[in-house]
Amino acid sequence: MNKQILIKPIISEKSEMLSDNLTQYSFVVNKKANKIEIKKAIEKEFSVGVSAVNTMIVAPKSKNRNTRSGLIKGRTSSYKKAIITLNEGETIDFFGDL
C-alpha cells in the first residue's frame, strides 16, 4: 500500500518566522504517517538532513455562514501537521526562481 506522505507545505506568518529563525518547516502530512516515514519522505524529496520531527493533529473548527435561507453550520477537517527541524546550515526553497 503506497500512500502519499507529504500533502503540502504550510505557508503562514508563523511558519515563515520559524523557518527564518530556527530552520523549522511546517507540512500537512498524511494522518497515518509516523515520524520515521515523514523524515524519510522529507530527506528524499528535498535532499536535506532532518534532525527532528514534531507532529500534532490539528482539531477541526466549527464555522458558521449566513445566507439568504438562513444560517449554515459546518466544520473544517482535522489534519496532521509536522514541524521539521533541519540540520545546521540547510534550507528548503519552496518558491524556486520566482
Protein backbone atom coordinates (compact mmCIF):
# COMPACT_ATOMS: atom_id res chain seq x y z
CA MET A 1 0.00 0.00 0.00
CA ASN A 2 1.76 3.13 -1.26
CA LYS A 3 0.50 6.28 0.44
CA GLN A 4 1.38 9.88 -0.18
CA ILE A 5 3.03 11.16 2.99
CA LEU A 6 3.66 14.85 2.28
CA ILE A 7 0.48 16.65 1.23
CA LYS A 8 1.54 20.33 1.16
CA PRO A 9 3.77 22.83 2.95
CA ILE A 10 2.18 25.32 5.32
CA ILE A 11 2.97 28.88 4.29
CA SER A 12 1.88 31.28 7.04
CA GLU A 13 3.43 34.09 9.07
CA LYS A 14 4.24 31.77 11.95
CA SER A 15 5.80 29.08 9.75
CA GLU A 16 7.88 31.70 7.88
CA MET A 17 9.15 33.05 11.21
CA LEU A 18 10.11 29.51 12.28
CA SER A 19 11.94 28.86 9.01
CA ASP A 20 13.86 32.16 9.19
CA ASN A 21 14.94 31.88 12.83
CA LEU A 22 15.14 28.16 13.67
CA THR A 23 15.32 26.30 10.30
CA GLN A 24 11.98 24.63 11.03
CA TYR A 25 9.46 23.95 8.27
CA SER A 26 5.77 23.01 8.58
CA PHE A 27 3.92 20.49 6.41
CA VAL A 28 0.46 18.98 6.23
CA VAL A 29 1.04 15.22 6.21
CA ASN A 30 -1.00 12.04 5.95
CA LYS A 31 -2.79 11.27 9.23
CA LYS A 32 -1.49 7.71 9.26
CA ALA A 33 2.16 8.63 8.64
CA ASN A 34 4.59 8.28 11.54
CA LYS A 35 7.69 10.37 12.29
CA ILE A 36 10.11 7.93 10.65
CA GLU A 37 8.14 7.90 7.38
CA ILE A 38 7.87 11.69 7.42
CA LYS A 39 11.63 12.06 7.97
CA LYS A 40 12.45 9.71 5.07
CA ALA A 41 9.98 11.48 2.76
CA ILE A 42 11.47 14.93 3.51
CA GLU A 43 15.04 13.70 3.04
CA LYS A 44 14.13 12.04 -0.27
CA GLU A 45 12.02 14.93 -1.63
CA PHE A 46 14.27 17.89 -0.75
CA SER A 47 17.73 16.25 -0.33
CA VAL A 48 18.32 17.68 3.15
CA GLY A 49 19.19 16.21 6.55
CA VAL A 50 16.42 16.16 9.16
CA SER A 51 17.40 16.35 12.82
CA ALA A 52 13.92 16.30 14.44
CA VAL A 53 10.25 15.75 13.56
CA ASN A 54 7.40 17.01 15.75
CA THR A 55 3.82 16.06 14.85
CA MET A 56 0.40 17.19 16.01
CA ILE A 57 -3.20 16.65 14.97
CA VAL A 58 -4.98 19.95 14.45
CA ALA A 59 -8.57 19.79 15.68
CA PRO A 60 -11.49 20.74 13.41
CA LYS A 61 -13.01 24.19 13.82
CA SER A 62 -16.71 24.97 13.56
CA LYS A 63 -17.71 27.61 11.01
CA ASN A 64 -20.97 29.50 10.51
CA ARG A 65 -22.12 31.23 7.32
CA ASN A 66 -25.12 33.50 6.83
CA THR A 67 -27.09 33.00 3.61
CA ARG A 68 -30.48 34.05 2.32
CA SER A 69 -32.02 30.82 3.50
CA GLY A 70 -30.55 31.14 6.98
CA LEU A 71 -27.53 30.11 8.98
CA ILE A 72 -25.42 27.23 7.65
CA LYS A 73 -23.26 25.45 10.20
CA GLY A 74 -20.28 23.34 9.27
CA ARG A 75 -16.77 22.45 10.30
CA THR A 76 -13.32 22.26 8.79
CA SER A 77 -11.48 18.97 8.53
CA SER A 78 -8.87 17.93 11.04
CA TYR A 79 -5.36 17.30 9.72
CA LYS A 80 -1.94 16.21 10.88
CA LYS A 81 0.81 18.82 10.94
CA ALA A 82 4.53 18.06 11.05
CA ILE A 83 7.20 20.56 12.05
CA ILE A 84 10.57 19.54 10.63
CA THR A 85 13.88 20.75 12.09
CA LEU A 86 16.74 20.60 9.60
CA ASN A 87 20.42 20.08 10.28
CA GLU A 88 22.66 23.11 10.76
CA GLY A 89 23.11 25.24 7.64
CA GLU A 90 20.47 23.54 5.44
CA THR A 91 17.35 25.17 3.99
CA ILE A 92 14.37 24.27 1.81
CA ASP A 93 13.41 26.64 -1.02
CA PHE A 94 9.67 26.28 -1.76
CA PHE A 95 9.40 29.08 -4.30
CA GLY A 96 12.38 28.29 -6.54
CA ASP A 97 13.26 31.03 -9.04
CA LEU A 98 10.29 33.38 -8.76
